[in-house]
Protein backbone atom coordinates (compact mmCIF):
# COMPACT_ATOMS: atom_id res chain seq x y z
CA UNK A 1 112.22 97.35 97.03
CA UNK A 2 109.46 97.87 99.54
CA UNK A 3 108.35 101.31 100.56
CA UNK A 4 109.03 101.60 104.30
CA UNK A 5 108.11 104.26 106.80
CA UNK A 6 109.22 104.84 110.38
CA UNK A 7 106.22 105.35 112.59
CA UNK A 8 106.59 107.61 115.60
CA UNK A 9 105.52 106.53 119.05
CA UNK A 10 102.92 109.28 119.19
CA UNK A 11 101.09 107.93 116.15
CA UNK A 12 101.19 104.37 117.42
CA UNK A 13 99.64 105.43 120.72
CA UNK A 14 96.44 106.64 119.06
CA UNK A 15 93.74 104.75 120.95
CA UNK A 16 90.84 103.01 119.26
CA UNK A 17 87.59 104.06 120.86
CA UNK A 18 85.66 101.09 122.26
CA UNK A 19 82.26 102.78 122.26
CA UNK A 20 79.93 102.63 119.29
CA UNK A 21 79.41 106.13 117.87
CA UNK A 22 75.84 107.38 118.16
CA UNK A 23 75.87 108.14 114.42
CA UNK A 24 75.57 104.45 113.53
CA UNK A 25 72.12 102.96 112.96
CA UNK A 26 71.46 99.30 113.75
CA UNK A 27 70.21 97.25 110.82
CA UNK A 28 69.74 93.60 109.85
CA UNK A 29 69.87 91.57 106.67
CA UNK A 30 68.91 87.96 105.96
CA UNK A 31 70.85 85.53 103.78
CA UNK A 32 70.23 81.90 102.86
CA UNK A 33 72.98 79.52 103.98
CA UNK A 34 73.02 75.77 104.55
CA UNK A 35 69.36 75.55 103.64
CA UNK A 36 68.16 78.07 106.20
CA UNK A 37 67.80 81.81 106.53
CA UNK A 38 70.32 83.52 108.77
CA UNK A 39 69.91 87.02 110.12
CA UNK A 40 72.99 89.21 110.25
CA UNK A 41 73.33 92.51 112.05
CA UNK A 42 75.23 95.47 110.74
CA UNK A 43 75.69 99.17 111.37
CA UNK A 44 75.33 102.07 108.98
CA UNK A 45 76.43 105.68 109.35
CA UNK A 46 74.83 108.18 107.00
CA UNK A 47 76.39 111.54 106.08
CA UNK A 48 75.72 114.15 108.75
CA UNK A 49 73.63 116.11 106.25
CA UNK A 50 72.08 114.49 103.18
CA UNK A 51 71.16 117.00 100.49
CA UNK A 52 68.24 116.23 98.19
CA UNK A 53 69.36 115.08 94.76
CA UNK A 54 72.95 114.44 95.86
CA UNK A 55 74.73 111.10 96.15
CA UNK A 56 77.54 110.18 98.54
CA UNK A 57 80.41 107.68 98.62
CA UNK A 58 80.17 104.52 100.70
CA UNK A 59 82.91 102.72 102.64
CA UNK A 60 82.42 99.00 103.30
CA UNK A 61 84.57 98.04 106.30
CA UNK A 62 85.44 94.44 107.17
CA UNK A 63 86.65 94.13 110.76
CA UNK A 64 89.25 91.81 112.27
CA UNK A 65 88.86 88.57 114.23
CA UNK A 66 88.72 90.32 117.60
CA UNK A 67 85.54 92.17 116.67
CA UNK A 68 83.44 89.10 115.82
CA UNK A 69 80.23 88.46 117.74
CA UNK A 70 76.55 89.31 117.83
CA UNK A 71 76.54 92.57 119.80
CA UNK A 72 76.55 94.68 116.61
CA UNK A 73 78.99 97.07 118.28
CA UNK A 74 82.53 95.69 118.46
CA UNK A 75 82.99 96.04 114.70
CA UNK A 76 82.84 99.82 115.09
CA UNK A 77 86.32 99.93 116.57
CA UNK A 78 89.03 101.59 114.54
CA UNK A 79 88.01 102.96 111.15
CA UNK A 80 84.22 103.25 111.70
CA UNK A 81 84.85 105.17 114.91
CA UNK A 82 87.44 107.39 113.27
CA UNK A 83 85.22 108.11 110.27
CA UNK A 84 82.53 109.08 112.75
CA UNK A 85 84.63 111.85 114.27
CA UNK A 86 83.22 115.33 113.56
CA UNK A 87 86.22 116.51 111.54
CA UNK A 88 86.21 113.37 109.40
CA UNK A 89 82.48 113.70 108.75
CA UNK A 90 83.02 117.27 107.56
CA UNK A 91 86.00 116.38 105.38
CA UNK A 92 84.65 113.15 103.93
CA UNK A 93 80.84 112.98 104.12
CA UNK A 94 79.95 109.39 103.32
CA UNK A 95 78.04 106.27 104.22
CA UNK A 96 80.00 103.77 106.33
CA UNK A 97 78.78 100.18 106.30
CA UNK A 98 80.12 97.92 109.06
CA UNK A 99 78.78 94.33 109.06
CA UNK A 100 79.68 92.00 111.90
CA UNK A 101 81.03 88.51 111.33
CA UNK A 102 79.63 85.84 113.65
CA UNK A 103 81.75 84.49 116.51
CA UNK A 104 83.74 81.51 115.28
CA UNK A 105 83.15 82.39 111.62
CA UNK A 106 85.42 84.13 109.12
CA UNK A 107 85.14 86.38 106.10
CA UNK A 108 87.38 83.85 104.33
CA UNK A 109 88.12 80.29 105.45
CA UNK A 110 91.90 80.48 105.52
CA UNK A 111 94.63 80.12 108.13
CA UNK A 112 95.83 83.67 108.73
CA UNK A 113 99.30 82.61 109.84
CA UNK A 114 100.08 80.60 106.69
CA UNK A 115 102.85 82.07 104.58
CA UNK A 116 101.38 80.79 101.32
CA UNK A 117 97.90 81.09 99.84
CA UNK A 118 95.21 78.52 99.25
CA UNK A 119 92.95 78.66 96.16
CA UNK A 120 89.93 80.92 96.39
CA UNK A 121 86.74 78.94 96.98
CA UNK A 122 84.00 78.98 94.32
CA UNK A 123 81.60 80.76 96.67
CA UNK A 124 82.14 83.27 99.48
CA UNK A 125 81.51 82.31 103.10
CA UNK A 126 78.03 82.98 104.49
CA UNK A 127 79.37 85.93 106.46
CA UNK A 128 80.99 87.55 103.45
CA UNK A 129 77.81 86.94 101.45
CA UNK A 130 75.92 88.70 104.23
CA UNK A 131 78.23 91.70 103.91
CA UNK A 132 77.38 91.85 100.19
CA UNK A 133 73.67 91.53 100.98
CA UNK A 134 73.96 94.43 103.40
CA UNK A 135 75.76 96.46 100.74
CA UNK A 136 73.01 95.70 98.23
CA UNK A 137 70.32 96.70 100.72
CA UNK A 138 71.99 100.01 101.54
CA UNK A 139 72.56 100.86 97.89
CA UNK A 140 68.90 100.23 97.11
CA UNK A 141 67.66 102.40 99.97
CA UNK A 142 70.18 105.23 100.22
CA UNK A 143 71.61 107.90 97.87
CA UNK A 144 74.93 106.15 97.32
CA UNK A 145 77.28 107.22 94.53
CA UNK A 146 77.73 103.93 92.70
CA UNK A 147 81.03 105.13 91.24
CA UNK A 148 82.50 105.76 94.70
CA UNK A 149 81.99 102.55 96.67
CA UNK A 150 85.14 101.67 98.60
CA UNK A 151 86.28 98.43 100.24
CA UNK A 152 88.69 98.15 103.16
CA UNK A 153 89.44 95.78 106.01
CA UNK A 154 92.09 94.83 108.53
CA UNK A 155 93.63 91.46 109.43
CA UNK A 156 90.77 88.96 108.97
CA UNK A 157 89.05 91.80 107.14
CA UNK A 158 92.16 92.31 105.02
CA UNK A 159 91.75 88.74 103.82
CA UNK A 160 88.07 89.43 103.27
CA UNK A 161 88.87 92.53 101.22
CA UNK A 162 91.23 90.70 98.87
CA UNK A 163 88.69 87.89 98.46
CA UNK A 164 85.64 90.06 97.90
CA UNK A 165 87.38 92.44 95.50
CA UNK A 166 88.51 89.51 93.36
CA UNK A 167 84.95 88.18 93.22
CA UNK A 168 83.38 91.48 92.16
CA UNK A 169 86.02 94.08 91.22
CA UNK A 170 83.46 96.00 89.18
CA UNK A 171 81.56 96.92 92.36
CA UNK A 172 84.36 98.99 93.88
CA UNK A 173 86.17 102.19 93.04
CA UNK A 174 89.17 101.37 95.25
CA UNK A 175 90.37 99.02 97.98
CA UNK A 176 92.62 99.35 101.04
CA UNK A 177 93.53 95.88 102.37
CA UNK A 178 95.54 95.98 105.60
CA UNK A 179 97.69 93.12 106.99
CA UNK A 180 95.80 90.45 105.07
CA UNK A 181 96.39 88.24 102.09
CA UNK A 182 94.70 86.56 99.16
CA UNK A 183 95.02 84.06 96.34
CA UNK A 184 97.62 85.28 93.88
CA UNK A 185 95.77 83.49 91.08
CA UNK A 186 93.00 86.10 91.39
CA UNK A 187 95.39 88.96 90.56
CA UNK A 188 94.15 89.39 86.95
CA UNK A 189 90.70 90.30 88.29
CA UNK A 190 92.30 93.06 90.39
CA UNK A 191 94.63 94.66 87.87
CA UNK A 192 92.40 97.66 87.07
CA UNK A 193 91.26 98.30 90.66
CA UNK A 194 93.05 101.11 92.53
CA UNK A 195 94.63 99.40 95.56
CA UNK A 196 96.70 100.72 98.44
CA UNK A 197 97.94 97.84 100.59
CA UNK A 198 99.50 98.21 104.06
CA UNK A 199 101.40 95.80 106.32
CA UNK A 200 103.78 95.94 109.27
CA UNK A 201 107.22 94.49 108.60
CA UNK A 202 107.30 92.98 112.12
CA UNK A 203 103.82 91.41 111.97
CA UNK A 204 103.84 88.08 113.84
CA UNK A 205 100.14 87.31 113.29
CA UNK A 206 99.77 87.63 109.52
CA UNK A 207 103.07 87.16 107.65
CA UNK A 208 104.08 90.26 105.72
CA UNK A 209 104.84 87.95 102.80
CA UNK A 210 101.07 87.64 102.24
CA UNK A 211 100.73 91.31 101.30
CA UNK A 212 104.01 91.37 99.40
CA UNK A 213 103.03 88.40 97.23
CA UNK A 214 99.59 89.81 96.42
CA UNK A 215 101.06 93.17 95.43
CA UNK A 216 103.67 91.44 93.27
CA UNK A 217 100.99 89.30 91.61
CA UNK A 218 98.76 92.28 90.80
CA UNK A 219 101.75 94.14 89.35
CA UNK A 220 102.70 91.10 87.28
CA UNK A 221 99.13 91.01 85.97
CA UNK A 222 99.45 94.60 84.77
CA UNK A 223 98.10 96.50 87.76
CA UNK A 224 99.67 99.38 89.67
CA UNK A 225 98.85 98.85 93.37
CA UNK A 226 100.41 101.10 95.99
CA UNK A 227 102.17 99.35 98.88
CA UNK A 228 103.32 100.74 102.21
CA UNK A 229 105.24 98.57 104.65
CA UNK A 230 105.74 100.04 108.11
CA UNK A 231 109.20 99.35 109.46
CA UNK A 232 109.29 97.88 113.00
CA UNK A 233 105.47 97.80 113.21
CA UNK A 234 103.73 94.59 114.27
CA UNK A 235 100.18 93.50 113.61
CA UNK A 236 98.56 96.89 114.24
CA UNK A 237 99.43 98.44 110.90
CA UNK A 238 95.86 99.75 110.59
CA UNK A 239 96.36 102.57 113.10
CA UNK A 240 99.16 104.34 111.20
CA UNK A 241 97.46 103.52 107.88
CA UNK A 242 93.99 104.84 108.67
CA UNK A 243 95.14 107.72 110.87
CA UNK A 244 97.30 109.19 108.12
CA UNK A 245 95.09 111.79 106.38
CA UNK A 246 96.76 111.00 103.06
CA UNK A 247 95.28 107.50 103.13
CA UNK A 248 91.65 108.59 103.25
CA UNK A 249 92.28 111.53 100.95
CA UNK A 250 93.59 109.05 98.37
CA UNK A 251 90.63 106.72 98.91
CA UNK A 252 87.96 109.37 98.46
CA UNK A 253 89.60 110.68 95.27
CA UNK A 254 89.04 107.36 93.52
CA UNK A 255 86.16 106.80 91.11
CA UNK A 256 85.19 103.90 88.90
CA UNK A 257 86.15 104.58 85.28
């Protein structure tokens, strides 16, 4: 039933660069939480060349638990670094927005290892709200194509992607959630959103059932999400997903109706 792919050792050995690409600017945004203003740091990469009168797509990336902190750098591992490579910048000129979740906080307050979902909370966490505030700030200040705003995240960020897309599906042209999960009751909000979900069949951190159940729920609600399950791959399903050129080609083809 599930679409499976064998992943070669060469692909799985692609290393994630630890260094923050020079292309990323440091920025901050303030949000109100618990009766006080909190300042959040994020990074933004602009297209290598911005032409007057032209707009560009934007990718909002939600990192995993290992990239939390306040250095405003660790969150650039994986996709932000790869999108900053010269060839990628030529092929897919875009804005890349990478907020950083605080140490000890989460995009969504859930237990990642649970096999079943908990109901979505009425309001997003402060950190997820900060990601939205950063998105709003960038869209006000930069020539972003509002019909080509994309959402993606891995692990903790996969949970964040499912949660955020369900809260505001009209904001995004497409979503790629990787090894995460969500509340199946939110599936009706997601039925018209182009989704390509990825998970490793051997994941021992986030149960693969979390992605399977969300995909099933969206399909039952009338949606047509794509799903790729990597056979024999553990938690790092984001490397084969993001490093496959077809994945990003699909993402950048999507537009809001």
